[in-house]
Amino acid sequence: MSVIVKEPEGRILLLTKGADSVMFKRLTPTGRKFEEESKRHINEYSESGLRTLVLAYRVLDEKEYVKFSEKFNTAETSVSTDRDEKVEEVAESTEQDLLLLGATAVEDKLQKGVCPFPAINIF
């Protein structure tokens, strides 16, 4: 999942988060400075039962942003049955050549009212 923001100075940033299995594949070679260290931390967090996400970004120039915006709006307003796939394709095409920011880890606690031991049988 990504957001695009414009800084007061005018720089346009694509900020994105996702699973490590997806995000590390989308990094640019120069954006992998802390990849091995981040993978080590992610493994430690996962072994502790924490849910992890990788954070990355990319600077977009004005032309890239305009091109993305046009494609995204076309996909978003499509009335075809594959609208969601079109939106995902456009987003994925822009979520490439990323620079690694880091990783997060959160405890995913059960919400109130959720039975911690549901009676589910798997055969």
N, C-alpha and C. Protein backbone atom coordinates (compact mmCIF):
# COMPACT_ATOMS: atom_id res chain seq x y z
N MET A 1 0.84 -1.17 0.00
CA MET A 1 0.00 0.00 0.00
C MET A 1 0.89 1.24 0.00
N SER A 2 0.50 2.21 -0.76
CA SER A 2 1.33 3.41 -0.91
C SER A 2 0.50 4.68 -0.81
N VAL A 3 1.21 5.74 -0.51
CA VAL A 3 0.65 7.09 -0.60
C VAL A 3 1.66 7.94 -1.34
N ILE A 4 1.16 8.97 -2.00
CA ILE A 4 2.03 9.93 -2.67
C ILE A 4 1.82 11.27 -1.99
N VAL A 5 2.92 11.90 -1.58
CA VAL A 5 2.85 13.19 -0.90
C VAL A 5 3.77 14.17 -1.61
N LYS A 6 3.42 15.44 -1.48
CA LYS A 6 4.26 16.50 -2.03
C LYS A 6 4.77 17.34 -0.87
N GLU A 7 6.07 17.42 -0.75
CA GLU A 7 6.68 18.20 0.32
C GLU A 7 6.52 19.69 0.04
N PRO A 8 6.60 20.52 1.07
CA PRO A 8 6.50 21.97 0.86
C PRO A 8 7.52 22.49 -0.16
N GLU A 9 8.68 21.83 -0.23
CA GLU A 9 9.71 22.24 -1.18
C GLU A 9 9.39 21.80 -2.60
N GLY A 10 8.34 20.97 -2.77
CA GLY A 10 7.92 20.54 -4.09
C GLY A 10 8.29 19.12 -4.48
N ARG A 11 9.13 18.46 -3.68
CA ARG A 11 9.53 17.09 -3.99
C ARG A 11 8.34 16.15 -3.80
N ILE A 12 8.14 15.25 -4.76
CA ILE A 12 7.02 14.29 -4.72
C ILE A 12 7.57 12.94 -4.29
N LEU A 13 6.99 12.39 -3.21
CA LEU A 13 7.45 11.11 -2.67
C LEU A 13 6.36 10.06 -2.74
N LEU A 14 6.74 8.87 -3.14
CA LEU A 14 5.90 7.69 -3.04
C LEU A 14 6.38 6.97 -1.78
N LEU A 15 5.53 6.85 -0.77
CA LEU A 15 5.84 6.15 0.47
C LEU A 15 5.04 4.86 0.48
N THR A 16 5.70 3.75 0.72
CA THR A 16 5.01 2.47 0.61
C THR A 16 5.40 1.52 1.73
N LYS A 17 4.50 0.59 2.01
CA LYS A 17 4.75 -0.44 3.02
C LYS A 17 4.22 -1.75 2.49
N GLY A 18 4.79 -2.84 2.99
CA GLY A 18 4.32 -4.15 2.56
C GLY A 18 5.11 -5.27 3.20
N ALA A 19 4.76 -6.47 2.82
CA ALA A 19 5.43 -7.66 3.34
C ALA A 19 6.86 -7.71 2.82
N ASP A 20 7.76 -8.21 3.65
CA ASP A 20 9.16 -8.28 3.24
C ASP A 20 9.34 -9.11 1.98
N SER A 21 8.54 -10.15 1.80
CA SER A 21 8.66 -11.02 0.62
C SER A 21 8.38 -10.26 -0.67
N VAL A 22 7.60 -9.21 -0.59
CA VAL A 22 7.28 -8.38 -1.76
C VAL A 22 8.23 -7.19 -1.86
N MET A 23 8.42 -6.51 -0.75
CA MET A 23 9.14 -5.24 -0.76
C MET A 23 10.61 -5.37 -1.13
N PHE A 24 11.29 -6.40 -0.64
CA PHE A 24 12.72 -6.52 -0.95
C PHE A 24 12.96 -6.73 -2.44
N LYS A 25 11.99 -7.34 -3.13
CA LYS A 25 12.11 -7.53 -4.58
C LYS A 25 11.97 -6.21 -5.34
N ARG A 26 11.36 -5.23 -4.73
CA ARG A 26 11.08 -3.96 -5.40
C ARG A 26 12.12 -2.88 -5.14
N LEU A 27 13.15 -3.21 -4.39
CA LEU A 27 14.18 -2.22 -4.08
C LEU A 27 15.14 -2.03 -5.24
N THR A 28 15.59 -0.80 -5.41
CA THR A 28 16.63 -0.51 -6.39
C THR A 28 17.96 -1.00 -5.82
N PRO A 29 18.92 -1.36 -6.65
CA PRO A 29 20.21 -1.83 -6.12
C PRO A 29 20.85 -0.85 -5.13
N THR A 30 20.70 0.45 -5.36
CA THR A 30 21.28 1.43 -4.44
C THR A 30 20.44 1.62 -3.18
N GLY A 31 19.23 1.07 -3.17
CA GLY A 31 18.34 1.21 -2.02
C GLY A 31 18.41 0.06 -1.05
N ARG A 32 19.42 -0.80 -1.19
CA ARG A 32 19.52 -2.02 -0.39
C ARG A 32 20.57 -1.93 0.72
N LYS A 33 20.95 -0.73 1.08
CA LYS A 33 22.04 -0.54 2.03
C LYS A 33 21.85 -1.32 3.34
N PHE A 34 20.66 -1.34 3.88
CA PHE A 34 20.40 -1.99 5.16
C PHE A 34 19.56 -3.26 5.01
N GLU A 35 19.54 -3.83 3.80
CA GLU A 35 18.68 -4.98 3.54
C GLU A 35 19.01 -6.17 4.44
N GLU A 36 20.25 -6.58 4.49
CA GLU A 36 20.61 -7.77 5.28
C GLU A 36 20.34 -7.56 6.76
N GLU A 37 20.68 -6.39 7.27
CA GLU A 37 20.42 -6.09 8.67
C GLU A 37 18.92 -6.07 8.95
N SER A 38 18.15 -5.50 8.03
CA SER A 38 16.69 -5.45 8.19
C SER A 38 16.10 -6.86 8.16
N LYS A 39 16.59 -7.71 7.27
CA LYS A 39 16.10 -9.09 7.20
C LYS A 39 16.37 -9.83 8.51
N ARG A 40 17.54 -9.58 9.09
CA ARG A 40 17.88 -10.20 10.37
C ARG A 40 16.89 -9.76 11.46
N HIS A 41 16.63 -8.47 11.51
CA HIS A 41 15.69 -7.94 12.50
C HIS A 41 14.28 -8.50 12.27
N ILE A 42 13.86 -8.54 11.02
CA ILE A 42 12.53 -9.06 10.70
C ILE A 42 12.39 -10.51 11.15
N ASN A 43 13.41 -11.32 10.91
CA ASN A 43 13.37 -12.72 11.36
C ASN A 43 13.27 -12.80 12.88
N GLU A 44 14.02 -11.98 13.58
CA GLU A 44 13.95 -11.95 15.05
C GLU A 44 12.55 -11.56 15.51
N TYR A 45 11.99 -10.54 14.90
CA TYR A 45 10.65 -10.08 15.27
C TYR A 45 9.61 -11.17 15.00
N SER A 46 9.70 -11.79 13.85
CA SER A 46 8.75 -12.85 13.48
C SER A 46 8.83 -14.02 14.44
N GLU A 47 10.05 -14.40 14.82
CA GLU A 47 10.22 -15.50 15.77
C GLU A 47 9.65 -15.16 17.14
N SER A 48 9.54 -13.87 17.43
CA SER A 48 8.94 -13.42 18.70
C SER A 48 7.43 -13.28 18.59
N GLY A 49 6.88 -13.61 17.42
CA GLY A 49 5.43 -13.55 17.22
C GLY A 49 4.91 -12.18 16.81
N LEU A 50 5.79 -11.30 16.39
CA LEU A 50 5.36 -9.97 15.98
C LEU A 50 5.06 -9.94 14.48
N ARG A 51 4.16 -9.04 14.10
CA ARG A 51 3.81 -8.85 12.69
C ARG A 51 4.70 -7.75 12.13
N THR A 52 5.31 -8.01 10.99
CA THR A 52 6.29 -7.07 10.45
C THR A 52 5.85 -6.46 9.12
N LEU A 53 6.36 -5.28 8.86
CA LEU A 53 6.16 -4.59 7.59
C LEU A 53 7.46 -3.91 7.20
N VAL A 54 7.71 -3.84 5.91
CA VAL A 54 8.88 -3.14 5.39
C VAL A 54 8.41 -1.80 4.83
N LEU A 55 9.18 -0.75 5.08
CA LEU A 55 8.87 0.59 4.62
C LEU A 55 9.91 1.03 3.60
N ALA A 56 9.45 1.67 2.52
CA ALA A 56 10.37 2.14 1.48
C ALA A 56 9.77 3.38 0.82
N TYR A 57 10.60 4.04 0.01
CA TYR A 57 10.11 5.23 -0.68
C TYR A 57 10.79 5.38 -2.03
N ARG A 58 10.26 6.30 -2.79
CA ARG A 58 10.83 6.65 -4.09
C ARG A 58 10.46 8.10 -4.39
N VAL A 59 11.39 8.83 -4.95
CA VAL A 59 11.12 10.20 -5.37
C VAL A 59 10.60 10.14 -6.80
N LEU A 60 9.47 10.80 -7.05
CA LEU A 60 8.89 10.86 -8.39
C LEU A 60 9.12 12.26 -8.96
N ASP A 61 9.47 12.32 -10.23
CA ASP A 61 9.51 13.65 -10.85
C ASP A 61 8.10 13.99 -11.32
N GLU A 62 7.91 15.23 -11.72
CA GLU A 62 6.57 15.71 -12.09
C GLU A 62 5.97 14.89 -13.23
N LYS A 63 6.79 14.55 -14.24
CA LYS A 63 6.29 13.77 -15.38
C LYS A 63 5.82 12.39 -14.94
N GLU A 64 6.62 11.73 -14.09
CA GLU A 64 6.23 10.40 -13.59
C GLU A 64 4.92 10.48 -12.82
N TYR A 65 4.79 11.52 -11.98
CA TYR A 65 3.58 11.66 -11.19
C TYR A 65 2.36 11.88 -12.07
N VAL A 66 2.48 12.75 -13.06
CA VAL A 66 1.36 13.03 -13.96
C VAL A 66 0.96 11.77 -14.72
N LYS A 67 1.94 11.04 -15.22
CA LYS A 67 1.68 9.79 -15.95
C LYS A 67 0.99 8.78 -15.04
N PHE A 68 1.51 8.61 -13.81
CA PHE A 68 0.89 7.70 -12.85
C PHE A 68 -0.54 8.13 -12.55
N SER A 69 -0.73 9.40 -12.27
CA SER A 69 -2.04 9.93 -11.90
C SER A 69 -3.08 9.67 -13.00
N GLU A 70 -2.69 9.89 -14.24
CA GLU A 70 -3.61 9.66 -15.36
C GLU A 70 -3.98 8.18 -15.46
N LYS A 71 -2.97 7.30 -15.39
CA LYS A 71 -3.24 5.86 -15.47
C LYS A 71 -4.08 5.39 -14.29
N PHE A 72 -3.77 5.89 -13.10
CA PHE A 72 -4.50 5.48 -11.91
C PHE A 72 -5.95 5.93 -11.98
N ASN A 73 -6.19 7.17 -12.39
CA ASN A 73 -7.56 7.68 -12.51
C ASN A 73 -8.35 6.90 -13.55
N THR A 74 -7.71 6.55 -14.65
CA THR A 74 -8.38 5.74 -15.68
C THR A 74 -8.77 4.38 -15.11
N ALA A 75 -7.85 3.75 -14.39
CA ALA A 75 -8.13 2.43 -13.80
C ALA A 75 -9.21 2.55 -12.73
N GLU A 76 -9.13 3.57 -11.88
CA GLU A 76 -10.08 3.77 -10.79
C GLU A 76 -11.51 3.98 -11.28
N THR A 77 -11.65 4.66 -12.40
CA THR A 77 -12.98 4.98 -12.91
C THR A 77 -13.49 3.96 -13.93
N SER A 78 -12.72 2.92 -14.14
CA SER A 78 -13.13 1.87 -15.07
C SER A 78 -14.37 1.16 -14.54
N VAL A 79 -15.27 0.82 -15.44
CA VAL A 79 -16.49 0.10 -15.04
C VAL A 79 -16.39 -1.38 -15.40
N SER A 80 -15.22 -1.82 -15.81
CA SER A 80 -15.05 -3.22 -16.18
C SER A 80 -14.95 -4.10 -14.93
N THR A 81 -15.13 -5.38 -15.13
CA THR A 81 -15.09 -6.33 -14.01
C THR A 81 -13.68 -6.50 -13.45
N ASP A 82 -12.67 -6.11 -14.21
CA ASP A 82 -11.30 -6.26 -13.73
C ASP A 82 -10.70 -4.93 -13.25
N ARG A 83 -11.57 -4.04 -12.78
CA ARG A 83 -11.14 -2.73 -12.31
C ARG A 83 -10.08 -2.84 -11.21
N ASP A 84 -10.32 -3.70 -10.23
CA ASP A 84 -9.37 -3.84 -9.12
C ASP A 84 -7.99 -4.30 -9.60
N GLU A 85 -7.99 -5.21 -10.57
CA GLU A 85 -6.72 -5.69 -11.12
C GLU A 85 -5.98 -4.57 -11.85
N LYS A 86 -6.75 -3.75 -12.57
CA LYS A 86 -6.14 -2.62 -13.29
C LYS A 86 -5.52 -1.62 -12.32
N VAL A 87 -6.23 -1.33 -11.25
CA VAL A 87 -5.71 -0.41 -10.23
C VAL A 87 -4.44 -0.98 -9.63
N GLU A 88 -4.45 -2.26 -9.30
CA GLU A 88 -3.28 -2.92 -8.71
C GLU A 88 -2.09 -2.89 -9.67
N GLU A 89 -2.34 -3.12 -10.95
CA GLU A 89 -1.27 -3.08 -11.97
C GLU A 89 -0.59 -1.71 -12.02
N VAL A 90 -1.42 -0.67 -12.02
CA VAL A 90 -0.87 0.69 -12.10
C VAL A 90 -0.05 0.99 -10.84
N ALA A 91 -0.58 0.63 -9.69
CA ALA A 91 0.15 0.87 -8.44
C ALA A 91 1.45 0.09 -8.42
N GLU A 92 1.39 -1.17 -8.80
CA GLU A 92 2.58 -2.02 -8.78
C GLU A 92 3.65 -1.51 -9.73
N SER A 93 3.25 -0.98 -10.87
CA SER A 93 4.23 -0.49 -11.84
C SER A 93 5.00 0.72 -11.30
N THR A 94 4.38 1.47 -10.40
CA THR A 94 5.04 2.63 -9.81
C THR A 94 5.82 2.26 -8.55
N GLU A 95 5.40 1.20 -7.88
CA GLU A 95 6.05 0.76 -6.64
C GLU A 95 7.28 -0.09 -6.96
N GLN A 96 8.18 0.44 -7.75
CA GLN A 96 9.42 -0.22 -8.15
C GLN A 96 10.58 0.74 -7.89
N ASP A 97 11.80 0.21 -7.93
CA ASP A 97 13.01 1.04 -7.75
C ASP A 97 12.95 1.84 -6.45
N LEU A 98 12.57 1.15 -5.39
CA LEU A 98 12.38 1.78 -4.09
C LEU A 98 13.67 1.83 -3.28
N LEU A 99 13.69 2.75 -2.33
CA LEU A 99 14.80 2.88 -1.38
C LEU A 99 14.29 2.42 -0.01
N LEU A 100 15.00 1.53 0.60
CA LEU A 100 14.60 0.97 1.89
C LEU A 100 14.69 2.02 2.99
N LEU A 101 13.59 2.15 3.75
CA LEU A 101 13.59 3.02 4.93
C LEU A 101 13.83 2.21 6.19
N GLY A 102 13.21 1.03 6.28
CA GLY A 102 13.35 0.20 7.47
C GLY A 102 12.19 -0.76 7.59
N ALA A 103 12.01 -1.27 8.81
CA ALA A 103 10.95 -2.23 9.06
C ALA A 103 10.27 -1.90 10.39
N THR A 104 9.04 -2.34 10.52
CA THR A 104 8.30 -2.18 11.76
C THR A 104 7.90 -3.54 12.28
N ALA A 105 7.61 -3.60 13.56
CA ALA A 105 7.12 -4.84 14.17
C ALA A 105 6.08 -4.46 15.21
N VAL A 106 4.91 -5.07 15.13
CA VAL A 106 3.85 -4.79 16.10
C VAL A 106 3.28 -6.10 16.62
N GLU A 107 2.82 -6.03 17.86
CA GLU A 107 2.14 -7.18 18.44
C GLU A 107 0.70 -7.12 17.97
N ASP A 108 0.22 -8.18 17.41
CA ASP A 108 -1.14 -8.24 16.87
C ASP A 108 -2.04 -8.91 17.90
N LYS A 109 -2.47 -8.14 18.91
CA LYS A 109 -3.29 -8.68 19.99
C LYS A 109 -4.72 -8.93 19.51
N LEU A 110 -5.36 -9.91 20.17
CA LEU A 110 -6.77 -10.16 19.88
C LEU A 110 -7.60 -8.98 20.37
N GLN A 111 -8.63 -8.66 19.62
CA GLN A 111 -9.53 -7.59 20.03
C GLN A 111 -10.45 -8.10 21.13
N LYS A 112 -11.02 -7.18 21.90
CA LYS A 112 -11.96 -7.55 22.95
C LYS A 112 -13.13 -8.30 22.33
N GLY A 113 -13.57 -9.34 23.02
CA GLY A 113 -14.72 -10.11 22.55
C GLY A 113 -14.37 -11.25 21.63
N VAL A 114 -13.11 -11.35 21.20
CA VAL A 114 -12.70 -12.44 20.33
C VAL A 114 -12.22 -13.59 21.20
N CYS A 115 -12.79 -14.75 20.98
CA CYS A 115 -12.43 -15.93 21.75
C CYS A 115 -10.99 -16.34 21.44
N PRO A 116 -10.13 -16.45 22.47
CA PRO A 116 -8.74 -16.82 22.21
C PRO A 116 -8.58 -18.28 21.79
N PHE A 117 -9.59 -19.10 22.06
CA PHE A 117 -9.53 -20.52 21.71
C PHE A 117 -10.81 -20.92 20.97
N PRO A 118 -10.95 -20.50 19.71
CA PRO A 118 -12.18 -20.82 18.98
C PRO A 118 -12.30 -22.33 18.75
N ALA A 119 -13.52 -22.79 18.72
CA ALA A 119 -13.79 -24.22 18.52
C ALA A 119 -13.81 -24.52 17.03
N ILE A 120 -12.62 -24.53 16.42
CA ILE A 120 -12.50 -24.81 15.00
C ILE A 120 -11.79 -26.14 14.85
N ASN A 121 -12.40 -27.03 14.10
CA ASN A 121 -11.79 -28.33 13.83
C ASN A 121 -11.30 -28.36 12.39
N ILE A 122 -10.06 -28.79 12.21
CA ILE A 122 -9.49 -28.89 10.87
C ILE A 122 -9.23 -30.35 10.59
N PHE A 123 -9.75 -30.82 9.48
CA PHE A 123 -9.60 -32.23 9.12
C PHE A 123 -8.69 -32.38 7.94
